[in-house]
Amino acid sequence: MKLTKEQLENYRKKFKLSPRELEILNLLFQGNNKNSDIADKLGITEGTAKQYFHMLYIKLDRPSKIEVIQLLWEDFYSQSIYKKRYKKD
């Protein structure tokens, strides 16, 4: 499962995230929670992945990956439920 383009755009605007930070959020949302996994998928070093996470924690005002993941899932489900409930036909 991936975040939608709309959700990624909302995060980009709301938190002023870079394209790479959005890629990392999407990978995290998909279950890639190890720095080494993300580094491998993006072709970056593990240290660079850590630096990106550090910046995400600051920008999203969350102290850990667990809380970032929680934010992503809460937003994903609230938007999905809202769209189903109030979708215009």
Protein backbone atom coordinates (compact mmCIF):
# COMPACT_ATOMS: atom_id res chain seq x y z
CA MET A 1 0.00 0.00 0.00
CA LYS A 2 1.30 3.44 -0.92
CA LEU A 3 0.37 6.92 0.06
CA THR A 4 -1.63 8.62 -2.68
CA LYS A 5 -0.22 11.48 -4.75
CA GLU A 6 -2.74 13.75 -3.02
CA GLN A 7 -1.55 12.69 0.44
CA LEU A 8 2.10 13.17 -0.52
CA GLU A 9 1.33 16.61 -1.93
CA ASN A 10 -0.47 17.52 1.30
CA TYR A 11 2.59 16.49 3.33
CA ARG A 12 4.87 18.39 0.98
CA LYS A 13 2.90 21.60 1.41
CA LYS A 14 2.05 21.27 5.09
CA PHE A 15 5.53 20.29 6.31
CA LYS A 16 7.69 21.69 3.46
CA LEU A 17 9.14 18.28 2.62
CA SER A 18 11.62 17.61 -0.16
CA PRO A 19 10.95 15.01 -2.87
CA ARG A 20 13.45 12.65 -1.18
CA GLU A 21 11.73 13.07 2.20
CA LEU A 22 8.43 12.17 0.53
CA GLU A 23 10.02 9.05 -0.96
CA ILE A 24 11.23 8.07 2.49
CA LEU A 25 7.77 8.64 4.01
CA ASN A 26 6.23 6.45 1.34
CA LEU A 27 8.77 3.68 1.93
CA LEU A 28 8.20 3.94 5.67
CA PHE A 29 4.43 3.71 5.13
CA GLN A 30 5.01 0.55 3.08
CA GLY A 31 6.77 -1.11 6.01
CA ASN A 32 10.43 -0.31 5.28
CA ASN A 33 11.37 0.89 8.75
CA LYS A 34 15.09 0.06 8.87
CA ASN A 35 17.59 2.70 7.81
CA SER A 36 19.51 0.03 5.89
CA ASP A 37 16.41 -1.01 3.91
CA ILE A 38 15.61 2.56 2.93
CA ALA A 39 19.25 3.26 2.08
CA ASP A 40 19.37 0.20 -0.20
CA LYS A 41 16.12 1.08 -1.97
CA LEU A 42 17.19 4.69 -2.57
CA GLY A 43 20.85 4.04 -3.32
CA ILE A 44 22.09 6.17 -0.41
CA THR A 45 24.22 5.38 2.63
CA GLU A 46 22.68 4.33 5.92
CA GLY A 47 24.10 7.51 7.48
CA THR A 48 22.30 9.62 4.89
CA ALA A 49 19.06 7.77 5.61
CA LYS A 50 19.51 8.59 9.31
CA GLN A 51 20.01 12.25 8.46
CA TYR A 52 16.79 12.27 6.43
CA PHE A 53 14.91 10.71 9.33
CA HIS A 54 16.33 13.27 11.72
CA MET A 55 15.01 16.06 9.47
CA LEU A 56 11.63 14.33 9.16
CA TYR A 57 11.33 14.10 12.95
CA ILE A 58 11.95 17.84 13.18
CA LYS A 59 9.64 18.83 10.32
CA LEU A 60 6.81 16.51 11.38
CA ASP A 61 7.32 17.33 15.07
CA ARG A 62 7.55 13.63 15.95
CA PRO A 63 10.38 12.13 18.06
CA SER A 64 10.56 8.66 16.48
CA LYS A 65 9.78 6.48 13.48
CA ILE A 66 6.95 4.86 15.41
CA GLU A 67 5.24 8.22 15.85
CA VAL A 68 5.82 9.14 12.20
CA ILE A 69 4.27 5.82 11.14
CA GLN A 70 1.35 6.43 13.50
CA LEU A 71 0.79 9.87 11.95
CA LEU A 72 0.85 8.41 8.42
CA TRP A 73 -1.61 5.64 9.24
CA GLU A 74 -3.97 7.94 11.13
CA ASP A 75 -4.00 10.38 8.22
CA PHE A 76 -4.39 7.58 5.68
CA TYR A 77 -7.37 6.04 7.44
CA SER A 78 -9.07 9.31 8.31
CA GLN A 79 -8.84 10.48 4.69
CA SER A 80 -10.00 7.10 3.36
CA ILE A 81 -12.98 6.97 5.71
CA TYR A 82 -13.85 10.60 5.00
CA LYS A 83 -13.80 10.05 1.24
CA LYS A 84 -15.99 6.95 1.47
CA ARG A 85 -18.46 8.61 3.79
CA TYR A 86 -18.76 11.96 2.02
CA LYS A 87 -17.93 11.01 -1.56
CA LYS A 88 -20.07 12.86 -4.10
CA ASP A 89 -21.71 10.65 -6.71
